Amino acid sequence: MELTTSEAWLFLPFVLPICIWVAWSDLRAMKIPNKAVVTLALVFVVLGLFVLPWPDYLWRLSHLAIVLVVGIVLNAAGAMGAGDAKFAAAAAPFIALGDLRILMVLFAANLLAAYVTHRLAKYTGLRRLAPDWKSWETGSDFPMGLSLGATLALYIALGTYFGG
């Protein structure tokens, strides 16, 4: 992995609670709070200065803008929710470009697992554990914050062990 262990260890304690917040909020209300997105971006802006060389820091920060523009286009086309696009943009600087292939595999596996788990819970007695969650009532819509948050958290957690 291109993500270094020092980056991963510094980011993980701050990113993990935000990812849990995003997943829970999306399950509960089908919304990713702007506060969570801004907090995630600020974590990178502040902590990235301590672990990344200046050129790498600026390059990674540019990923936020690039992914945000792509997300806006996908949202306008109806392919992605606005909260999902904003979260993906805020998460982008945490991802080392060389790890993009790892991230895509991790996201695909995570998306499948999250979808199956959510649907199993939705149609079984497990639903009674959180009867008021909006994600149960959205038809075919799926709370992508569950997969997006878990993917970022797992990527950074893997970096603590496998990082460069």
Protein backbone atom coordinates (compact mmCIF):
# COMPACT_ATOMS: atom_id res chain seq x y z
CA MET A 1 0.00 0.00 0.00
CA GLU A 2 1.12 3.53 -0.71
CA LEU A 3 -0.68 4.82 2.37
CA THR A 4 2.00 4.84 5.04
CA THR A 5 1.53 3.34 8.48
CA SER A 6 2.26 6.72 10.08
CA GLU A 7 -0.50 8.35 8.00
CA ALA A 8 -2.90 5.53 8.83
CA TRP A 9 -2.19 5.61 12.57
CA LEU A 10 -2.61 9.38 12.72
CA PHE A 11 -5.80 9.47 10.65
CA LEU A 12 -7.58 6.39 12.05
CA PRO A 13 -8.66 7.67 15.50
CA PHE A 14 -10.22 10.75 13.90
CA VAL A 15 -11.64 9.20 10.73
CA LEU A 16 -13.19 6.08 12.29
CA PRO A 17 -15.78 7.90 14.44
CA ILE A 18 -16.75 10.11 11.49
CA CYS A 19 -17.23 7.04 9.28
CA ILE A 20 -19.43 5.43 11.94
CA TRP A 21 -21.41 8.68 12.25
CA VAL A 22 -21.92 8.81 8.46
CA ALA A 23 -23.02 5.17 8.22
CA TRP A 24 -25.42 5.49 11.17
CA SER A 25 -26.89 8.78 9.92
CA ASP A 26 -27.47 7.40 6.44
CA LEU A 27 -29.13 4.28 7.81
CA ARG A 28 -31.29 6.29 10.21
CA ALA A 29 -32.27 9.26 8.04
CA MET A 30 -30.97 8.53 4.52
CA LYS A 31 -28.82 11.66 4.85
CA ILE A 32 -25.13 12.25 5.39
CA PRO A 33 -24.77 15.33 7.60
CA ASN A 34 -22.81 18.23 6.14
CA LYS A 35 -21.12 18.56 9.55
CA ALA A 36 -19.67 15.08 9.12
CA VAL A 37 -18.39 15.89 5.63
CA VAL A 38 -16.81 19.18 6.73
CA THR A 39 -15.30 17.52 9.81
CA LEU A 40 -13.75 14.78 7.67
CA ALA A 41 -12.27 17.34 5.27
CA LEU A 42 -10.89 19.38 8.19
CA VAL A 43 -9.25 16.28 9.66
CA PHE A 44 -7.26 15.89 6.47
CA VAL A 45 -6.50 19.60 6.11
CA VAL A 46 -5.07 19.77 9.65
CA LEU A 47 -3.52 16.34 10.17
CA GLY A 48 -2.27 15.93 6.61
CA LEU A 49 0.18 18.74 7.27
CA PHE A 50 1.90 16.57 9.89
CA VAL A 51 2.41 13.40 7.86
CA LEU A 52 2.64 14.37 4.21
CA PRO A 53 5.36 16.28 2.38
CA TRP A 54 4.03 19.62 1.09
CA PRO A 55 3.76 18.60 -2.63
CA ASP A 56 1.96 15.34 -1.72
CA TYR A 57 -0.34 17.22 0.65
CA LEU A 58 -1.38 19.69 -2.05
CA TRP A 59 -1.77 16.89 -4.62
CA ARG A 60 -4.03 14.91 -2.27
CA LEU A 61 -5.99 18.04 -1.41
CA SER A 62 -6.67 18.54 -5.12
CA HIS A 63 -8.40 15.14 -5.11
CA LEU A 64 -11.13 16.69 -2.98
CA ALA A 65 -11.95 19.24 -5.69
CA ILE A 66 -11.72 16.72 -8.53
CA VAL A 67 -13.97 14.14 -6.84
CA LEU A 68 -16.41 16.88 -5.83
CA VAL A 69 -16.81 18.02 -9.45
CA VAL A 70 -17.31 14.43 -10.62
CA GLY A 71 -19.77 13.87 -7.78
CA ILE A 72 -21.77 16.96 -8.70
CA VAL A 73 -22.05 15.72 -12.28
CA LEU A 74 -23.10 12.23 -11.11
CA ASN A 75 -25.63 13.76 -8.72
CA ALA A 76 -27.08 15.93 -11.47
CA ALA A 77 -27.41 12.81 -13.64
CA GLY A 78 -29.26 11.05 -10.81
CA ALA A 79 -26.54 8.42 -10.39
CA MET A 80 -25.47 9.44 -6.89
CA GLY A 81 -26.90 11.23 -3.88
CA ALA A 82 -25.57 14.67 -2.97
CA GLY A 83 -24.42 13.52 0.48
CA ASP A 84 -22.63 10.55 -1.04
CA ALA A 85 -20.86 12.85 -3.52
CA LYS A 86 -19.79 15.25 -0.78
CA PHE A 87 -18.57 12.44 1.47
CA ALA A 88 -16.60 10.85 -1.37
CA ALA A 89 -14.96 14.21 -2.06
CA ALA A 90 -14.03 14.71 1.61
CA ALA A 91 -12.67 11.14 1.76
CA ALA A 92 -10.63 11.43 -1.45
CA PRO A 93 -7.55 13.13 0.07
CA PHE A 94 -7.09 10.23 2.49
CA ILE A 95 -6.59 7.81 -0.41
CA ALA A 96 -3.12 7.43 -1.88
CA LEU A 97 -3.47 7.45 -5.68
CA GLY A 98 -1.41 4.26 -5.98
CA ASP A 99 -3.95 2.48 -3.78
CA LEU A 100 -6.90 3.21 -6.06
CA ARG A 101 -7.10 -0.40 -7.28
CA ILE A 102 -7.07 -1.71 -3.70
CA LEU A 103 -9.74 0.83 -2.77
CA MET A 104 -12.02 -0.19 -5.66
CA VAL A 105 -11.82 -3.88 -4.72
CA LEU A 106 -12.42 -3.01 -1.08
CA PHE A 107 -15.40 -0.81 -2.01
CA ALA A 108 -16.93 -3.46 -4.28
CA ALA A 109 -16.69 -6.15 -1.61
CA ASN A 110 -17.94 -3.76 1.04
CA LEU A 111 -20.86 -2.58 -1.08
CA LEU A 112 -21.99 -6.14 -1.73
CA ALA A 113 -21.67 -7.11 1.95
CA ALA A 114 -23.45 -3.96 3.15
CA TYR A 115 -26.27 -4.35 0.63
CA VAL A 116 -26.90 -8.00 1.51
CA THR A 117 -26.68 -7.30 5.25
CA HIS A 118 -29.04 -4.32 5.02
CA ARG A 119 -31.57 -6.25 2.97
CA LEU A 120 -31.41 -9.28 5.28
CA ALA A 121 -31.99 -7.04 8.29
CA LYS A 122 -34.75 -5.17 6.49
CA TYR A 123 -36.78 -8.29 5.79
CA THR A 124 -36.16 -10.15 9.07
CA GLY A 125 -36.81 -9.60 12.75
CA LEU A 126 -33.53 -7.67 13.02
CA ARG A 127 -35.46 -4.68 11.73
CA ARG A 128 -37.09 -4.36 15.15
CA LEU A 129 -33.73 -3.29 16.61
CA ALA A 130 -34.08 0.06 14.82
CA PRO A 131 -37.72 0.29 13.75
CA ASP A 132 -37.64 4.00 12.92
CA TRP A 133 -34.77 3.96 10.42
CA LYS A 134 -35.76 5.64 7.19
CA SER A 135 -33.57 3.26 5.17
CA TRP A 136 -36.10 0.47 5.75
CA GLU A 137 -38.79 2.43 3.91
CA THR A 138 -36.96 3.76 0.86
CA GLY A 139 -37.85 1.05 -1.61
CA SER A 140 -34.88 0.27 -3.81
CA ASP A 141 -32.74 3.16 -2.52
CA PHE A 142 -29.75 2.09 -0.47
CA PRO A 143 -27.89 4.09 2.21
CA MET A 144 -24.52 4.33 0.43
CA GLY A 145 -23.01 6.11 3.44
CA LEU A 146 -22.87 2.66 5.06
CA SER A 147 -20.55 1.39 2.31
CA LEU A 148 -18.64 4.63 1.76
CA GLY A 149 -17.91 5.12 5.46
CA ALA A 150 -16.98 1.49 6.02
CA THR A 151 -14.71 1.47 2.97
CA LEU A 152 -12.74 4.52 4.12
CA ALA A 153 -12.48 3.16 7.67
CA LEU A 154 -11.31 -0.26 6.46
CA TYR A 155 -8.82 1.26 4.01
CA ILE A 156 -7.17 3.34 6.71
CA ALA A 157 -7.30 0.46 9.21
CA LEU A 158 -5.58 -1.80 6.67
CA GLY A 159 -2.97 0.90 6.24
CA THR A 160 -1.99 0.60 9.90
CA TYR A 161 -0.74 -2.91 9.19
CA PHE A 162 0.01 -3.07 5.47
CA GLY A 163 1.03 0.55 4.90
CA GLY A 164 4.26 1.47 3.19
